[in-house]
Every structure is written in C-alpha cells, then in structure tokens.
Amino acid sequence: MVFIKYILFCGLLLSLPIFSAWFISAKKAARAMKNRFSDFKNINKKAVAANTYILIKDTLAEEKTKLALAYKNAVTLTEKREILAKAEKLLPQA
C-alpha cells in the first residue's frame, strides 16, 4: 500500500511542471485574446470635441423622434420595415 501511494505521489510530482506549463500558456493566450478584443473595440473610436458631440447627440435625438413618429403613423408592414432600416443605419453613420 505504501508503494502505491509513493508511485501516485511521484506521478503527481512529475505532472506538476506539465500542468504549470499548460496553465501559463493558457494564461498568456487569454491575455492575448483580451488585448485583441480591446484593440477591436478601439478601432472605430475617434476623438470628438465637446461641441461636436452635443450637436451629434441633439441631431440623433431629433432623428429618433422623427423616426418614432413616422413608425407610429406607418400603416403597412413595408413602411415600418423601411423606417426600421433607416433607424439601423442612423447610429453607425453618426
């Protein structure tokens, strides 16, 4: 019985460096993935002056109100889909 425990203990000791190497490589891969994701998030960001931001925000609010009213008054499903398509394009363009 002692011999079996000794063999299991030695196997555990021998597997620690392998597990450590795997853990470190997994951690590096996760860090690299996080860096790639943060780079992706920052691709489309542009510096905008405060007055420009306010102008864009107010324009978007007006357009949102117009589109909401147009959607509410739309009768057919085709009209509603066209309005929704305009709304989907509005924010990325801004």
PDB file of N, CA and C in Angstrom:
ATOM      1  N   MET A   1       0.822  -1.193   0.000  1.00  0.00           N
ATOM      2  CA  MET A   1       0.000   0.000   0.000  1.00  0.00           C
ATOM      3  C   MET A   1       0.867   1.259   0.000  1.00  0.00           C
ATOM      4  N   VAL A   2       1.910   1.259   0.757  1.00  0.00           N
ATOM      5  CA  VAL A   2       2.806   2.400   0.817  1.00  0.00           C
ATOM      6  C   VAL A   2       3.443   2.621  -0.543  1.00  0.00           C
ATOM      7  N   PHE A   3       3.772   1.530  -1.224  1.00  0.00           N
ATOM      8  CA  PHE A   3       4.407   1.620  -2.528  1.00  0.00           C
ATOM      9  C   PHE A   3       3.470   2.294  -3.536  1.00  0.00           C
ATOM     10  N   ILE A   4       2.193   1.954  -3.494  1.00  0.00           N
ATOM     11  CA  ILE A   4       1.215   2.544  -4.403  1.00  0.00           C
ATOM     12  C   ILE A   4       1.086   4.049  -4.131  1.00  0.00           C
ATOM     13  N   LYS A   5       1.058   4.422  -2.868  1.00  0.00           N
ATOM     14  CA  LYS A   5       0.990   5.836  -2.515  1.00  0.00           C
ATOM     15  C   LYS A   5       2.233   6.576  -3.021  1.00  0.00           C
ATOM     16  N   TYR A   6       3.392   5.905  -2.904  1.00  0.00           N
ATOM     17  CA  TYR A   6       4.644   6.501  -3.361  1.00  0.00           C
ATOM     18  C   TYR A   6       4.611   6.721  -4.875  1.00  0.00           C
ATOM     19  N   ILE A   7       4.120   5.736  -5.615  1.00  0.00           N
ATOM     20  CA  ILE A   7       4.027   5.845  -7.074  1.00  0.00           C
ATOM     21  C   ILE A   7       3.073   6.982  -7.465  1.00  0.00           C
ATOM     22  N   LEU A   8       1.940   7.048  -6.804  1.00  0.00           N
ATOM     23  CA  LEU A   8       0.981   8.119  -7.096  1.00  0.00           C
ATOM     24  C   LEU A   8       1.559   9.492  -6.780  1.00  0.00           C
ATOM     25  N   PHE A   9       2.282   9.578  -5.659  1.00  0.00           N
ATOM     26  CA  PHE A   9       2.899  10.842  -5.268  1.00  0.00           C
ATOM     27  C   PHE A   9       3.957  11.257  -6.285  1.00  0.00           C
ATOM     28  N   CYS A  10       4.775  10.303  -6.731  1.00  0.00           N
ATOM     29  CA  CYS A  10       5.804  10.609  -7.738  1.00  0.00           C
ATOM     30  C   CYS A  10       5.161  11.038  -9.055  1.00  0.00           C
ATOM     31  N   GLY A  11       4.082  10.385  -9.428  1.00  0.00           N
ATOM     32  CA  GLY A  11       3.373  10.771 -10.646  1.00  0.00           C
ATOM     33  C   GLY A  11       2.829  12.187 -10.535  1.00  0.00           C
ATOM     34  N   LEU A  12       2.322  12.525  -9.367  1.00  0.00           N
ATOM     35  CA  LEU A  12       1.825  13.875  -9.134  1.00  0.00           C
ATOM     36  C   LEU A  12       2.955  14.888  -9.240  1.00  0.00           C
ATOM     37  N   LEU A  13       4.094  14.586  -8.636  1.00  0.00           N
ATOM     38  CA  LEU A  13       5.231  15.492  -8.698  1.00  0.00           C
ATOM     39  C   LEU A  13       5.732  15.676 -10.131  1.00  0.00           C
ATOM     40  N   LEU A  14       5.721  14.597 -10.897  1.00  0.00           N
ATOM     41  CA  LEU A  14       6.182  14.691 -12.276  1.00  0.00           C
ATOM     42  C   LEU A  14       5.196  15.448 -13.163  1.00  0.00           C
ATOM     43  N   SER A  15       3.932  15.426 -12.815  1.00  0.00           N
ATOM     44  CA  SER A  15       2.944  16.112 -13.644  1.00  0.00           C
ATOM     45  C   SER A  15       2.824  17.602 -13.327  1.00  0.00           C
ATOM     46  N   LEU A  16       3.355  18.052 -12.197  1.00  0.00           N
ATOM     47  CA  LEU A  16       3.260  19.470 -11.839  1.00  0.00           C
ATOM     48  C   LEU A  16       3.914  20.393 -12.860  1.00  0.00           C
ATOM     49  N   PRO A  17       5.118  20.114 -13.345  1.00  0.00           N
ATOM     50  CA  PRO A  17       5.696  21.020 -14.350  1.00  0.00           C
ATOM     51  C   PRO A  17       4.868  21.066 -15.636  1.00  0.00           C
ATOM     52  N   ILE A  18       4.286  19.963 -16.025  1.00  0.00           N
ATOM     53  CA  ILE A  18       3.465  19.919 -17.239  1.00  0.00           C
ATOM     54  C   ILE A  18       2.215  20.772 -17.037  1.00  0.00           C
ATOM     55  N   PHE A  19       1.574  20.603 -15.876  1.00  0.00           N
ATOM     56  CA  PHE A  19       0.385  21.389 -15.578  1.00  0.00           C
ATOM     57  C   PHE A  19       0.729  22.873 -15.490  1.00  0.00           C
ATOM     58  N   SER A  20       1.868  23.178 -14.867  1.00  0.00           N
ATOM     59  CA  SER A  20       2.277  24.578 -14.743  1.00  0.00           C
ATOM     60  C   SER A  20       2.505  25.198 -16.114  1.00  0.00           C
ATOM     61  N   ALA A  21       3.164  24.474 -17.005  1.00  0.00           N
ATOM     62  CA  ALA A  21       3.414  24.986 -18.353  1.00  0.00           C
ATOM     63  C   ALA A  21       2.101  25.207 -19.086  1.00  0.00           C
ATOM     64  N   TRP A  22       1.180  24.268 -18.944  1.00  0.00           N
ATOM     65  CA  TRP A  22      -0.114  24.416 -19.600  1.00  0.00           C
ATOM     66  C   TRP A  22      -0.856  25.629 -19.046  1.00  0.00           C
ATOM     67  N   PHE A  23      -0.842  25.791 -17.726  1.00  0.00           N
ATOM     68  CA  PHE A  23      -1.547  26.891 -17.079  1.00  0.00           C
ATOM     69  C   PHE A  23      -0.978  28.237 -17.529  1.00  0.00           C
ATOM     70  N   ILE A  24       0.343  28.330 -17.591  1.00  0.00           N
ATOM     71  CA  ILE A  24       0.980  29.577 -18.008  1.00  0.00           C
ATOM     72  C   ILE A  24       0.651  29.891 -19.460  1.00  0.00           C
ATOM     73  N   SER A  25       0.691  28.876 -20.326  1.00  0.00           N
ATOM     74  CA  SER A  25       0.377  29.131 -21.738  1.00  0.00           C
ATOM     75  C   SER A  25      -1.093  29.512 -21.904  1.00  0.00           C
ATOM     76  N   ALA A  26      -1.977  28.909 -21.132  1.00  0.00           N
ATOM     77  CA  ALA A  26      -3.399  29.265 -21.206  1.00  0.00           C
ATOM     78  C   ALA A  26      -3.609  30.702 -20.732  1.00  0.00           C
ATOM     79  N   LYS A  27      -2.878  31.095 -19.709  1.00  0.00           N
ATOM     80  CA  LYS A  27      -2.986  32.454 -19.193  1.00  0.00           C
ATOM     81  C   LYS A  27      -2.486  33.464 -20.231  1.00  0.00           C
ATOM     82  N   LYS A  28      -1.368  33.134 -20.900  1.00  0.00           N
ATOM     83  CA  LYS A  28      -0.849  34.016 -21.942  1.00  0.00           C
ATOM     84  C   LYS A  28      -1.831  34.125 -23.109  1.00  0.00           C
ATOM     85  N   ALA A  29      -2.437  33.011 -23.476  1.00  0.00           N
ATOM     86  CA  ALA A  29      -3.407  33.026 -24.570  1.00  0.00           C
ATOM     87  C   ALA A  29      -4.615  33.880 -24.205  1.00  0.00           C
ATOM     88  N   ALA A  30      -5.079  33.771 -22.959  1.00  0.00           N
ATOM     89  CA  ALA A  30      -6.220  34.578 -22.519  1.00  0.00           C
ATOM     90  C   ALA A  30      -5.865  36.062 -22.531  1.00  0.00           C
ATOM     91  N   ARG A  31      -4.658  36.400 -22.111  1.00  0.00           N
ATOM     92  CA  ARG A  31      -4.219  37.792 -22.110  1.00  0.00           C
ATOM     93  C   ARG A  31      -4.132  38.328 -23.540  1.00  0.00           C
ATOM     94  N   ALA A  32      -3.613  37.506 -24.459  1.00  0.00           N
ATOM     95  CA  ALA A  32      -3.512  37.922 -25.854  1.00  0.00           C
ATOM     96  C   ALA A  32      -4.900  38.146 -26.450  1.00  0.00           C
ATOM     97  N   MET A  33      -5.843  37.261 -26.121  1.00  0.00           N
ATOM     98  CA  MET A  33      -7.212  37.398 -26.618  1.00  0.00           C
ATOM     99  C   MET A  33      -7.843  38.680 -26.072  1.00  0.00           C
ATOM    100  N   LYS A  34      -7.593  38.986 -24.817  1.00  0.00           N
ATOM    101  CA  LYS A  34      -8.137  40.197 -24.215  1.00  0.00           C
ATOM    102  C   LYS A  34      -7.566  41.431 -24.909  1.00  0.00           C
ATOM    103  N   ASN A  35      -6.263  41.417 -25.208  1.00  0.00           N
ATOM    104  CA  ASN A  35      -5.643  42.547 -25.900  1.00  0.00           C
ATOM    105  C   ASN A  35      -6.217  42.717 -27.297  1.00  0.00           C
ATOM    106  N   ARG A  36      -6.442  41.606 -28.002  1.00  0.00           N
ATOM    107  CA  ARG A  36      -7.019  41.696 -29.343  1.00  0.00           C
ATOM    108  C   ARG A  36      -8.431  42.262 -29.281  1.00  0.00           C
ATOM    109  N   PHE A  37      -9.194  41.859 -28.262  1.00  0.00           N
ATOM    110  CA  PHE A  37     -10.558  42.356 -28.132  1.00  0.00           C
ATOM    111  C   PHE A  37     -10.565  43.844 -27.821  1.00  0.00           C
ATOM    112  N   SER A  38      -9.675  44.293 -26.939  1.00  0.00           N
ATOM    113  CA  SER A  38      -9.645  45.720 -26.610  1.00  0.00           C
ATOM    114  C   SER A  38      -9.179  46.537 -27.816  1.00  0.00           C
ATOM    115  N   ASP A  39      -8.271  45.981 -28.634  1.00  0.00           N
ATOM    116  CA  ASP A  39      -7.875  46.672 -29.861  1.00  0.00           C
ATOM    117  C   ASP A  39      -9.059  46.778 -30.809  1.00  0.00           C
ATOM    118  N   PHE A  40      -9.858  45.720 -30.894  1.00  0.00           N
ATOM    119  CA  PHE A  40     -11.028  45.726 -31.772  1.00  0.00           C
ATOM    120  C   PHE A  40     -12.043  46.768 -31.320  1.00  0.00           C
ATOM    121  N   LYS A  41     -12.236  46.895 -30.010  1.00  0.00           N
ATOM    122  CA  LYS A  41     -13.191  47.867 -29.502  1.00  0.00           C
ATOM    123  C   LYS A  41     -12.760  49.294 -29.819  1.00  0.00           C
ATOM    124  N   ASN A  42     -11.451  49.550 -29.861  1.00  0.00           N
ATOM    125  CA  ASN A  42     -10.963  50.908 -30.034  1.00  0.00           C
ATOM    126  C   ASN A  42     -10.747  51.295 -31.488  1.00  0.00           C
ATOM    127  N   ILE A  43     -11.031  50.408 -32.430  1.00  0.00           N
ATOM    128  CA  ILE A  43     -10.778  50.701 -33.841  1.00  0.00           C
ATOM    129  C   ILE A  43     -11.586  51.899 -34.322  1.00  0.00           C
ATOM    130  N   ASN A  44     -12.881  51.931 -34.015  1.00  0.00           N
ATOM    131  CA  ASN A  44     -13.765  52.951 -34.574  1.00  0.00           C
ATOM    132  C   ASN A  44     -13.921  54.181 -33.693  1.00  0.00           C
ATOM    133  N   LYS A  45     -13.169  54.252 -32.608  1.00  0.00           N
ATOM    134  CA  LYS A  45     -13.304  55.409 -31.731  1.00  0.00           C
ATOM    135  C   LYS A  45     -12.504  56.578 -32.289  1.00  0.00           C
ATOM    136  N   LYS A  46     -13.147  57.716 -32.328  1.00  0.00           N
ATOM    137  CA  LYS A  46     -12.489  58.929 -32.791  1.00  0.00           C
ATOM    138  C   LYS A  46     -12.659  59.996 -31.718  1.00  0.00           C
ATOM    139  N   ALA A  47     -11.675  60.834 -31.583  1.00  0.00           N
ATOM    140  CA  ALA A  47     -11.787  61.942 -30.641  1.00  0.00           C
ATOM    141  C   ALA A  47     -12.741  62.977 -31.223  1.00  0.00           C
ATOM    142  N   VAL A  48     -13.692  63.401 -30.418  1.00  0.00           N
ATOM    143  CA  VAL A  48     -14.689  64.370 -30.869  1.00  0.00           C
ATOM    144  C   VAL A  48     -14.721  65.506 -29.863  1.00  0.00           C
ATOM    145  N   ALA A  49     -14.742  66.718 -30.368  1.00  0.00           N
ATOM    146  CA  ALA A  49     -14.830  67.880 -29.497  1.00  0.00           C
ATOM    147  C   ALA A  49     -16.192  67.906 -28.806  1.00  0.00           C
ATOM    148  N   ALA A  50     -16.240  68.563 -27.675  1.00  0.00           N
ATOM    149  CA  ALA A  50     -17.465  68.584 -26.874  1.00  0.00           C
ATOM    150  C   ALA A  50     -18.628  69.211 -27.635  1.00  0.00           C
ATOM    151  N   ASN A  51     -18.381  70.311 -28.326  1.00  0.00           N
ATOM    152  CA  ASN A  51     -19.483  70.963 -29.051  1.00  0.00           C
ATOM    153  C   ASN A  51     -19.974  70.097 -30.215  1.00  0.00           C
ATOM    154  N   THR A  52     -19.057  69.370 -30.854  1.00  0.00           N
ATOM    155  CA  THR A  52     -19.453  68.456 -31.930  1.00  0.00           C
ATOM    156  C   THR A  52     -20.285  67.313 -31.365  1.00  0.00           C
ATOM    157  N   TYR A  53     -19.874  66.806 -30.212  1.00  0.00           N
ATOM    158  CA  TYR A  53     -20.621  65.720 -29.570  1.00  0.00           C
ATOM    159  C   TYR A  53     -22.049  66.168 -29.251  1.00  0.00           C
ATOM    160  N   ILE A  54     -22.180  67.353 -28.707  1.00  0.00           N
ATOM    161  CA  ILE A  54     -23.514  67.857 -28.357  1.00  0.00           C
ATOM    162  C   ILE A  54     -24.377  68.011 -29.609  1.00  0.00           C
ATOM    163  N   LEU A  55     -23.778  68.503 -30.683  1.00  0.00           N
ATOM    164  CA  LEU A  55     -24.501  68.659 -31.941  1.00  0.00           C
ATOM    165  C   LEU A  55     -24.965  67.294 -32.471  1.00  0.00           C
ATOM    166  N   ILE A  56     -24.070  66.322 -32.453  1.00  0.00           N
ATOM    167  CA  ILE A  56     -24.424  64.975 -32.929  1.00  0.00           C
ATOM    168  C   ILE A  56     -25.519  64.375 -32.052  1.00  0.00           C
ATOM    169  N   LYS A  57     -25.377  64.530 -30.742  1.00  0.00           N
ATOM    170  CA  LYS A  57     -26.368  63.974 -29.808  1.00  0.00           C
ATOM    171  C   LYS A  57     -27.741  64.594 -30.020  1.00  0.00           C
ATOM    172  N   ASP A  58     -27.790  65.908 -30.187  1.00  0.00           N
ATOM    173  CA  ASP A  58     -29.072  66.588 -30.407  1.00  0.00           C
ATOM    174  C   ASP A  58     -29.690  66.191 -31.747  1.00  0.00           C
ATOM    175  N   THR A  59     -28.856  66.077 -32.773  1.00  0.00           N
ATOM    176  CA  THR A  59     -29.354  65.657 -34.085  1.00  0.00           C
ATOM    177  C   THR A  59     -29.921  64.247 -34.020  1.00  0.00           C
ATOM    178  N   LEU A  60     -29.218  63.366 -33.314  1.00  0.00           N
ATOM    179  CA  LEU A  60     -29.723  61.996 -33.172  1.00  0.00           C
ATOM    180  C   LEU A  60     -31.042  61.961 -32.412  1.00  0.00           C
ATOM    181  N   ALA A  61     -31.163  62.793 -31.391  1.00  0.00           N
ATOM    182  CA  ALA A  61     -32.416  62.845 -30.634  1.00  0.00           C
ATOM    183  C   ALA A  61     -33.571  63.302 -31.525  1.00  0.00           C
ATOM    184  N   GLU A  62     -33.311  64.312 -32.366  1.00  0.00           N
ATOM    185  CA  GLU A  62     -34.352  64.792 -33.290  1.00  0.00           C
ATOM    186  C   GLU A  62     -34.734  63.703 -34.294  1.00  0.00           C
ATOM    187  N   GLU A  63     -33.730  63.053 -34.855  1.00  0.00           N
ATOM    188  CA  GLU A  63     -33.995  61.986 -35.825  1.00  0.00           C
ATOM    189  C   GLU A  63     -34.751  60.831 -35.174  1.00  0.00           C
ATOM    190  N   LYS A  64     -34.406  60.520 -33.940  1.00  0.00           N
ATOM    191  CA  LYS A  64     -35.106  59.446 -33.220  1.00  0.00           C
ATOM    192  C   LYS A  64     -36.586  59.797 -33.054  1.00  0.00           C
ATOM    193  N   THR A  65     -36.849  61.041 -32.698  1.00  0.00           N
ATOM    194  CA  THR A  65     -38.226  61.479 -32.527  1.00  0.00           C
ATOM    195  C   THR A  65     -38.994  61.405 -33.846  1.00  0.00           C
ATOM    196  N   LYS A  66     -38.353  61.871 -34.934  1.00  0.00           N
ATOM    197  CA  LYS A  66     -38.996  61.822 -36.253  1.00  0.00           C
ATOM    198  C   LYS A  66     -39.283  60.387 -36.680  1.00  0.00           C
ATOM    199  N   LEU A  67     -38.305  59.514 -36.477  1.00  0.00           N
ATOM    200  CA  LEU A  67     -38.495  58.116 -36.869  1.00  0.00           C
ATOM    201  C   LEU A  67     -39.572  57.438 -36.024  1.00  0.00           C
ATOM    202  N   ALA A  68     -39.618  57.762 -34.733  1.00  0.00           N
ATOM    203  CA  ALA A  68     -40.641  57.174 -33.867  1.00  0.00           C
ATOM    204  C   ALA A  68     -42.034  57.607 -34.307  1.00  0.00           C
ATOM    205  N   LEU A  69     -42.165  58.862 -34.654  1.00  0.00           N
ATOM    206  CA  LEU A  69     -43.454  59.373 -35.123  1.00  0.00           C
ATOM    207  C   LEU A  69     -43.826  58.743 -36.459  1.00  0.00           C
ATOM    208  N   ALA A  70     -42.851  58.636 -37.357  1.00  0.00           N
ATOM    209  CA  ALA A  70     -43.112  58.027 -38.664  1.00  0.00           C
ATOM    210  C   ALA A  70     -43.494  56.554 -38.500  1.00  0.00           C
ATOM    211  N   TYR A  71     -42.837  55.860 -37.578  1.00  0.00           N
ATOM    212  CA  TYR A  71     -43.161  54.445 -37.340  1.00  0.00           C
ATOM    213  C   TYR A  71     -44.571  54.306 -36.776  1.00  0.00           C
ATOM    214  N   LYS A  72     -44.902  55.216 -35.871  1.00  0.00           N
ATOM    215  CA  LYS A  72     -46.239  55.173 -35.267  1.00  0.00           C
ATOM    216  C   LYS A  72     -47.325  55.430 -36.315  1.00  0.00           C
ATOM    217  N   ASN A  73     -47.040  56.302 -37.276  1.00  0.00           N
ATOM    218  CA  ASN A  73     -48.025  56.646 -38.303  1.00  0.00           C
ATOM    219  C   ASN A  73     -47.984  55.695 -39.504  1.00  0.00           C
ATOM    220  N   ALA A  74     -46.978  54.845 -39.579  1.00  0.00           N
ATOM    221  CA  ALA A  74     -46.879  53.916 -40.709  1.00  0.00           C
ATOM    222  C   ALA A  74     -48.026  52.916 -40.658  1.00  0.00           C
ATOM    223  N   VAL A  75     -48.577  52.635 -41.830  1.00  0.00           N
ATOM    224  CA  VAL A  75     -49.732  51.753 -41.905  1.00  0.00           C
ATOM    225  C   VAL A  75     -49.317  50.345 -42.306  1.00  0.00           C
ATOM    226  N   THR A  76     -48.521  50.245 -43.346  1.00  0.00           N
ATOM    227  CA  THR A  76     -48.170  48.919 -43.857  1.00  0.00           C
ATOM    228  C   THR A  76     -46.886  48.410 -43.213  1.00  0.00           C
ATOM    229  N   LEU A  77     -46.721  47.116 -43.308  1.00  0.00           N
ATOM    230  CA  LEU A  77     -45.528  46.477 -42.771  1.00  0.00           C
ATOM    231  C   LEU A  77     -44.278  46.910 -43.541  1.00  0.00           C
ATOM    232  N   THR A  78     -44.422  47.145 -44.828  1.00  0.00           N
ATOM    233  CA  THR A  78     -43.298  47.589 -45.660  1.00  0.00           C
ATOM    234  C   THR A  78     -42.793  48.951 -45.203  1.00  0.00           C
ATOM    235  N   GLU A  79     -43.711  49.870 -44.924  1.00  0.00           N
ATOM    236  CA  GLU A  79     -43.322  51.195 -44.437  1.00  0.00           C
ATOM    237  C   GLU A  79     -42.570  51.085 -43.114  1.00  0.00           C
ATOM    238  N   LYS A  80     -43.088  50.230 -42.221  1.00  0.00           N
ATOM    239  CA  LYS A  80     -42.441  50.056 -40.920  1.00  0.00           C
ATOM    240  C   LYS A  80     -41.034  49.476 -41.075  1.00  0.00           C
ATOM    241  N   ARG A  81     -40.887  48.536 -41.989  1.00  0.00           N
ATOM    242  CA  ARG A  81     -39.558  47.953 -42.216  1.00  0.00           C
ATOM    243  C   ARG A  81     -38.586  48.984 -42.781  1.00  0.00           C
ATOM    244  N   GLU A  82     -39.060  49.845 -43.669  1.00  0.00           N
ATOM    245  CA  GLU A  82     -38.209  50.900 -44.223  1.00  0.00           C
ATOM    246  C   GLU A  82     -37.748  51.866 -43.128  1.00  0.00           C
ATOM    247  N   ILE A  83     -38.639  52.199 -42.246  1.00  0.00           N
ATOM    248  CA  ILE A  83     -38.300  53.108 -41.143  1.00  0.00           C
ATOM    249  C   ILE A  83     -37.292  52.441 -40.210  1.00  0.00           C
ATOM    250  N   LEU A  84     -37.498  51.177 -39.922  1.00  0.00           N
ATOM    251  CA  LEU A  84     -36.547  50.460 -39.079  1.00  0.00           C
ATOM    252  C   LEU A  84     -35.172  50.359 -39.744  1.00  0.00           C
ATOM    253  N   ALA A  85     -35.146  50.184 -41.057  1.00  0.00           N
ATOM    254  CA  ALA A  85     -33.877  50.134 -41.780  1.00  0.00           C
ATOM    255  C   ALA A  85     -33.150  51.480 -41.674  1.00  0.00           C
ATOM    256  N   LYS A  86     -33.894  52.577 -41.775  1.00  0.00           N
ATOM    257  CA  LYS A  86     -33.292  53.904 -41.620  1.00  0.00           C
ATOM    258  C   LYS A  86     -32.718  54.070 -40.216  1.00  0.00           C
ATOM    259  N   ALA A  87     -33.471  53.604 -39.227  1.00  0.00           N
ATOM    260  CA  ALA A  87     -33.022  53.725 -37.837  1.00  0.00           C
ATOM    261  C   ALA A  87     -31.759  52.903 -37.592  1.00  0.00           C
ATOM    262  N   GLU A  88     -31.663  51.733 -38.205  1.00  0.00           N
ATOM    263  CA  GLU A  88     -30.473  50.901 -38.026  1.00  0.00           C
ATOM    264  C   GLU A  88     -29.233  51.543 -38.639  1.00  0.00           C
ATOM    265  N   LYS A  89     -29.403  52.314 -39.689  1.00  0.00           N
ATOM    266  CA  LYS A  89     -28.272  52.964 -40.358  1.00  0.00           C
ATOM    267  C   LYS A  89     -27.876  54.265 -39.669  1.00  0.00           C
ATOM    268  N   LEU A  90     -28.802  54.855 -38.933  1.00  0.00           N
ATOM    269  CA  LEU A  90     -28.580  56.184 -38.363  1.00  0.00           C
ATOM    270  C   LEU A  90     -27.437  56.228 -37.358  1.00  0.00           C
ATOM    271  N   LEU A  91     -27.428  55.358 -36.391  1.00  0.00           N
ATOM    272  CA  LEU A  91     -26.422  55.427 -35.326  1.00  0.00           C
ATOM    273  C   LEU A  91     -25.011  55.127 -35.825  1.00  0.00           C
ATOM    274  N   PRO A  92     -24.785  54.079 -36.613  1.00  0.00           N
ATOM    275  CA  PRO A  92     -23.405  53.865 -37.091  1.00  0.00           C
ATOM    276  C   PRO A  92     -22.880  55.012 -37.962  1.00  0.00           C
ATOM    277  N   GLN A  93     -23.771  55.662 -38.706  1.00  0.00           N
ATOM    278  CA  GLN A  93     -23.330  56.789 -39.533  1.00  0.00           C
ATOM    279  C   GLN A  93     -22.921  57.978 -38.671  1.00  0.00           C
ATOM    280  N   ALA A  94     -23.627  58.131 -37.549  1.00  0.00           N
ATOM    281  CA  ALA A  94     -23.326  59.269 -36.664  1.00  0.00           C
ATOM    282  C   ALA A  94     -22.003  59.048 -35.972  1.00  0.00           C
TER     283      ALA A  94
END
